[in-house]
Amino acid sequence: MEYLRVEGFRKKFHQTEVLKGVGFTLQKGEILVIIGASGSGKTTLLRCLNFLETPDEGKVYLNGELFSDAAVRYSDRELRKKRLRFGLVFQNFNLFPNYDAKRNVSLACELLARERARAKKRELLAAEKGIARLKAYRRISAEAAAMKREGIAESHARADALLAQVGLQEKRDAFPYELSGGQQQRVAIARALALDPEVLCFDEPTSALDPELTGEVLKVIRGLKGRTMIVVTHEMAFAREVADRVIFMADGVIEEDGTSEEVFGAPKSEKLKAFLKRTEEHGWI
């Protein structure tokens, strides 16, 4: 059964239509790789999935249920909750420069723990009426504070575990300026994993890296196989190796969709053939 379904995504910036009815499906645990030339709509597609952009039209179904509809205006709280279900690793890291590696990874979980504690406090107080509410206030506040402390402790433990997973446990106290580009991107991957998103997206995760640093990031992504992932990349050899499915986008539409063997080994579209020829000439495949 399909785990993710995207239907009819359209997005226009001023008079330029960037997405022209894009749709696809993805099975749970699959890795979908999206390739295509600059300006084909790849990044806009990811940003629409992650609510960083709002599509003009389109729907998303996740695990059999309607997840988002461009025709619906969601509240800020609803958007925050929906964003938790899609993780995104940016091409330029986007780490907080004033926080060390561990805090960069743990921060979102800490904020979520605080919000859950506040919500629990509101819920418990709402159940009490009149003088009983006043009597219960101190007890309920103490319970919420304990819940917050426990959540923050768990977020710190998870950050340590994730930094170890990406090979950076010894860099937990380092600030971004003290890390190489590859290390910063691995911290960004750990941060995206912290909230355990149902779909993990990567937007050109190695494009800002020198060639010698690219390998360490791709190794981490390979180690995540088994998660449901969407990867936009220009690393054709990597795409060919890890992808369960490959989508080739051109001019705002999906020009070709198939297995790695089909797309790279037997391309049908003339645009895809030309794209693969150009990437081979540049040594990207």
Protein backbone atom coordinates (compact mmCIF):
# COMPACT_ATOMS: atom_id res chain seq x y z
CA MET A 1 0.00 0.00 0.00
CA GLU A 2 1.26 3.48 -0.85
CA TYR A 3 2.49 5.46 2.14
CA LEU A 4 2.73 8.89 0.54
CA ARG A 5 0.64 10.24 -2.32
CA VAL A 6 1.10 13.67 -3.85
CA GLU A 7 -1.64 14.81 -6.20
CA GLY A 8 -1.66 17.71 -8.64
CA PHE A 9 0.88 20.08 -7.11
CA ARG A 10 0.87 23.42 -8.90
CA LYS A 11 2.93 26.42 -7.86
CA LYS A 12 3.39 29.75 -9.58
CA PHE A 13 5.78 32.57 -8.64
CA HIS A 14 4.44 35.74 -10.23
CA GLN A 15 3.89 34.69 -13.87
CA THR A 16 6.26 31.72 -13.80
CA GLU A 17 4.63 28.33 -13.27
CA VAL A 18 7.24 26.23 -11.47
CA LEU A 19 5.14 23.13 -10.74
CA LYS A 20 2.60 22.06 -13.34
CA GLY A 21 0.47 19.34 -11.82
CA VAL A 22 3.17 17.20 -10.20
CA GLY A 23 2.08 13.95 -8.54
CA PHE A 24 3.69 10.73 -7.38
CA THR A 25 3.41 7.94 -4.81
CA LEU A 26 5.92 6.43 -2.40
CA GLN A 27 5.93 3.20 -0.42
CA LYS A 28 6.94 3.08 3.24
CA GLY A 29 10.69 2.60 3.56
CA GLU A 30 11.39 3.54 -0.07
CA ILE A 31 14.04 6.01 -1.15
CA LEU A 32 12.84 8.29 -3.93
CA VAL A 33 15.55 10.27 -5.69
CA ILE A 34 14.58 13.34 -7.73
CA ILE A 35 16.96 14.50 -10.45
CA GLY A 36 16.80 17.23 -13.06
CA ALA A 37 18.42 20.44 -14.19
CA SER A 38 18.35 23.63 -12.13
CA GLY A 39 14.97 25.33 -12.40
CA SER A 40 13.03 22.14 -13.06
CA GLY A 41 11.00 22.48 -9.83
CA LYS A 42 12.75 19.96 -7.58
CA THR A 43 13.40 22.24 -4.60
CA THR A 44 9.99 23.91 -4.88
CA LEU A 45 8.38 20.47 -4.69
CA LEU A 46 10.24 19.68 -1.45
CA ARG A 47 9.42 23.07 0.03
CA CYS A 48 5.72 22.56 -0.72
CA LEU A 49 5.81 19.16 0.99
CA ASN A 50 7.41 20.75 4.06
CA PHE A 51 5.07 23.79 4.19
CA LEU A 52 7.89 26.23 3.48
CA GLU A 53 5.89 27.13 0.38
CA THR A 54 2.16 26.83 -0.14
CA PRO A 55 1.15 25.16 -3.41
CA ASP A 56 -1.56 26.87 -5.42
CA GLU A 57 -3.24 23.51 -5.96
CA GLY A 58 -2.68 19.97 -4.77
CA LYS A 59 -3.23 17.43 -2.03
CA VAL A 60 -1.00 15.15 0.01
CA TYR A 61 -2.08 11.86 1.53
CA LEU A 62 0.08 10.28 4.23
CA ASN A 63 -0.43 6.74 5.49
CA GLY A 64 -3.85 6.56 3.87
CA GLU A 65 -5.20 9.84 5.27
CA LEU A 66 -5.53 13.32 3.79
CA PHE A 67 -2.54 15.21 5.17
CA SER A 68 -2.76 18.55 3.41
CA ASP A 69 -4.92 20.33 0.88
CA ALA A 70 -3.85 23.56 -0.81
CA ALA A 71 -7.47 24.72 -0.71
CA VAL A 72 -7.47 24.68 3.12
CA ARG A 73 -6.01 27.51 5.18
CA TYR A 74 -4.27 25.97 8.20
CA SER A 75 -3.60 27.76 11.48
CA ASP A 76 -0.04 28.33 12.64
CA ARG A 77 -0.46 25.59 15.26
CA GLU A 78 -1.72 23.13 12.64
CA LEU A 79 1.23 23.97 10.37
CA ARG A 80 3.72 23.41 13.19
CA LYS A 81 2.23 19.99 13.90
CA LYS A 82 2.27 19.02 10.22
CA ARG A 83 5.88 20.12 9.76
CA LEU A 84 6.93 17.66 12.46
CA ARG A 85 5.97 14.79 10.17
CA PHE A 86 8.33 15.85 7.35
CA GLY A 87 12.00 16.41 8.06
CA LEU A 88 14.12 18.52 5.72
CA VAL A 89 17.89 18.75 5.38
CA PHE A 90 18.86 21.93 3.56
CA GLN A 91 21.76 22.28 1.15
CA ASN A 92 23.30 25.12 3.20
CA PHE A 93 23.01 23.40 6.64
CA ASN A 94 21.03 26.25 8.31
CA LEU A 95 22.48 25.53 11.76
CA PHE A 96 22.09 28.05 14.57
CA PRO A 97 25.56 29.66 14.81
CA ASN A 98 25.16 30.55 18.51
CA TYR A 99 24.42 26.95 19.59
CA ASP A 100 26.80 24.02 19.78
CA ALA A 101 26.18 20.81 17.83
CA LYS A 102 24.24 19.11 20.62
CA ARG A 103 21.91 22.08 21.19
CA ASN A 104 21.31 22.38 17.45
CA VAL A 105 20.10 18.77 17.47
CA SER A 106 18.17 18.87 20.76
CA LEU A 107 16.50 22.29 20.44
CA ALA A 108 13.40 21.25 18.50
CA CYS A 109 12.75 18.36 20.90
CA GLU A 110 13.24 20.66 23.89
CA LEU A 111 10.71 23.15 22.52
CA LEU A 112 8.27 20.33 21.81
CA ALA A 113 8.69 19.00 25.37
CA ARG A 114 7.94 22.46 26.79
CA GLU A 115 4.86 22.82 24.59
CA ARG A 116 3.56 19.39 25.58
CA ALA A 117 4.04 20.21 29.26
CA ARG A 118 2.12 23.47 28.86
CA ALA A 119 -0.66 21.68 26.97
CA LYS A 120 -0.90 19.02 29.69
CA LYS A 121 -1.10 21.70 32.36
CA ARG A 122 -3.92 23.44 30.49
CA GLU A 123 -5.75 20.14 30.09
CA LEU A 124 -5.50 19.21 33.78
CA LEU A 125 -6.53 22.67 34.95
CA ALA A 126 -9.50 22.71 32.57
CA ALA A 127 -10.78 19.51 34.22
CA GLU A 128 -10.94 21.24 37.62
CA LYS A 129 -13.67 23.73 38.56
CA GLY A 130 -13.99 26.51 41.09
CA ILE A 131 -12.10 26.17 44.38
CA ALA A 132 -10.88 22.71 43.40
CA ARG A 133 -8.97 24.27 40.54
CA LEU A 134 -7.20 26.68 42.89
CA LYS A 135 -6.30 23.85 45.27
CA ALA A 136 -4.99 21.70 42.44
CA TYR A 137 -2.97 24.45 40.76
CA ARG A 138 0.27 23.83 42.68
CA ARG A 139 0.10 20.04 42.18
CA ILE A 140 -0.68 20.36 38.48
CA SER A 141 2.11 22.92 37.99
CA ALA A 142 4.58 20.55 39.67
CA GLU A 143 3.45 17.67 37.44
CA ALA A 144 3.85 19.79 34.32
CA ALA A 145 7.30 20.95 35.43
CA ALA A 146 8.37 17.34 36.00
CA MET A 147 7.04 16.40 32.58
CA LYS A 148 9.03 19.25 31.02
CA ARG A 149 12.26 18.22 32.79
CA GLU A 150 11.82 14.62 31.70
CA GLY A 151 11.18 15.67 28.10
CA ILE A 152 14.25 17.92 28.02
CA ALA A 153 16.43 15.16 29.50
CA GLU A 154 15.15 12.76 26.83
CA SER A 155 15.92 15.31 24.10
CA HIS A 156 19.51 15.61 25.33
CA ALA A 157 19.94 11.84 25.42
CA ARG A 158 18.49 11.56 21.91
CA ALA A 159 20.82 14.29 20.64
CA ASP A 160 23.83 12.40 22.01
CA ALA A 161 22.65 9.17 20.37
CA LEU A 162 22.04 10.84 17.01
CA LEU A 163 25.39 12.63 17.00
CA ALA A 164 27.00 9.24 17.67
CA GLN A 165 24.98 7.76 14.80
CA VAL A 166 26.39 10.32 12.35
CA GLY A 167 29.90 9.94 13.76
CA LEU A 168 30.11 13.25 15.63
CA GLN A 169 29.78 12.38 19.30
CA GLU A 170 33.16 13.95 20.03
CA LYS A 171 32.00 17.20 18.39
CA ARG A 172 28.90 17.64 20.55
CA ASP A 173 30.27 20.81 22.19
CA ALA A 174 31.63 22.34 18.96
CA PHE A 175 29.97 25.36 17.39
CA PRO A 176 29.21 25.41 13.64
CA TYR A 177 32.20 27.63 12.84
CA GLU A 178 34.44 24.97 14.39
CA LEU A 179 33.09 22.24 12.10
CA SER A 180 33.87 21.39 8.49
CA GLY A 181 31.09 21.63 5.93
CA GLY A 182 30.64 17.87 5.96
CA GLN A 183 30.41 17.84 9.75
CA GLN A 184 27.88 20.68 9.72
CA GLN A 185 25.73 18.77 7.26
CA ARG A 186 25.90 15.65 9.42
CA VAL A 187 24.72 17.74 12.39
CA ALA A 188 21.87 18.97 10.19
CA ILE A 189 20.94 15.38 9.37
CA ALA A 190 20.95 14.48 13.08
CA ARG A 191 18.73 17.50 13.75
CA ALA A 192 16.25 16.39 11.09
CA LEU A 193 16.16 12.91 12.63
CA ALA A 194 15.60 14.20 16.17
CA LEU A 195 11.83 14.48 15.81
CA ASP A 196 11.64 11.10 14.02
CA PRO A 197 9.79 12.40 10.93
CA GLU A 198 7.69 10.02 8.89
CA VAL A 199 9.27 11.26 5.65
CA LEU A 200 12.84 12.60 5.57
CA CYS A 201 13.71 14.98 2.72
CA PHE A 202 17.11 16.09 1.48
CA ASP A 203 17.56 19.11 -0.78
CA GLU A 204 20.90 18.79 -2.58
CA PRO A 205 22.65 17.75 0.66
CA THR A 206 26.15 17.80 -0.87
CA SER A 207 25.94 20.79 -3.21
CA ALA A 208 27.63 23.16 -0.74
CA LEU A 209 30.47 20.73 0.00
CA ASP A 210 33.91 20.21 -1.47
CA PRO A 211 34.26 16.85 -3.24
CA GLU A 212 36.36 15.36 -0.43
CA LEU A 213 33.61 16.11 2.11
CA THR A 214 30.75 14.78 -0.02
CA GLY A 215 31.56 11.14 0.70
CA GLU A 216 31.10 11.40 4.46
CA VAL A 217 27.61 12.88 4.07
CA LEU A 218 26.54 10.33 1.47
CA LYS A 219 27.76 7.56 3.78
CA VAL A 220 25.43 8.81 6.53
CA ILE A 221 22.49 8.93 4.12
CA ARG A 222 23.23 5.38 2.97
CA GLY A 223 23.12 4.31 6.61
CA LEU A 224 19.54 5.60 6.87
CA LYS A 225 18.24 3.12 4.28
CA GLY A 226 14.96 1.69 5.51
CA ARG A 227 13.49 5.10 6.30
CA THR A 228 11.05 6.74 3.89
CA MET A 229 13.15 9.38 2.14
CA ILE A 230 13.01 11.84 -0.74
CA VAL A 231 16.42 12.97 -1.97
CA VAL A 232 17.02 15.76 -4.46
CA THR A 233 20.59 15.39 -5.69
CA HIS A 234 22.97 16.02 -8.55
CA GLU A 235 25.16 13.08 -7.46
CA MET A 236 24.10 10.64 -10.16
CA ALA A 237 26.31 7.76 -9.03
CA PHE A 238 24.87 8.03 -5.53
CA ALA A 239 21.33 8.28 -6.92
CA ARG A 240 21.85 5.17 -9.00
CA GLU A 241 23.18 3.28 -5.99
CA VAL A 242 20.61 4.10 -3.29
CA ALA A 243 17.35 4.89 -5.11
CA ASP A 244 14.42 2.51 -5.09
CA ARG A 245 12.70 4.92 -7.47
CA VAL A 246 13.95 7.84 -9.52
CA ILE A 247 11.95 10.80 -10.80
CA PHE A 248 13.36 13.02 -13.51
CA MET A 249 11.81 16.50 -13.53
CA ALA A 250 11.97 18.97 -16.40
CA ASP A 251 10.11 22.25 -16.87
CA GLY A 252 7.89 21.75 -13.84
CA VAL A 253 6.61 18.26 -14.69
CA ILE A 254 7.71 14.69 -14.04
CA GLU A 255 9.23 13.72 -17.36
CA GLU A 256 10.13 10.18 -16.35
CA ASP A 257 9.53 7.93 -13.33
CA GLY A 258 10.93 4.47 -12.77
CA THR A 259 13.43 2.26 -11.03
CA SER A 260 17.09 3.22 -10.96
CA GLU A 261 17.79 0.63 -13.68
CA GLU A 262 15.01 1.97 -15.90
CA VAL A 263 15.85 5.65 -15.57
CA PHE A 264 19.62 5.38 -15.81
CA GLY A 265 19.91 2.21 -17.88
CA ALA A 266 17.10 2.64 -20.40
CA PRO A 267 15.87 6.25 -20.48
CA LYS A 268 12.90 6.88 -22.77
CA SER A 269 12.55 10.67 -22.72
CA GLU A 270 14.75 12.69 -25.03
CA LYS A 271 15.09 15.29 -22.28
CA LEU A 272 16.33 12.66 -19.85
CA LYS A 273 18.78 11.28 -22.40
CA ALA A 274 20.17 14.76 -22.96
CA PHE A 275 20.37 15.42 -19.21
CA LEU A 276 22.26 12.18 -18.53
CA LYS A 277 24.63 12.93 -21.41
CA ARG A 278 25.40 16.36 -19.93
CA THR A 279 25.98 14.93 -16.45
CA GLU A 280 28.30 12.27 -17.89
CA GLU A 281 30.29 14.91 -19.74
CA HIS A 282 30.71 16.82 -16.47
CA GLY A 283 31.77 13.67 -14.62
CA TRP A 284 28.68 13.55 -12.36
CA ILE A 285 27.69 10.01 -13.34
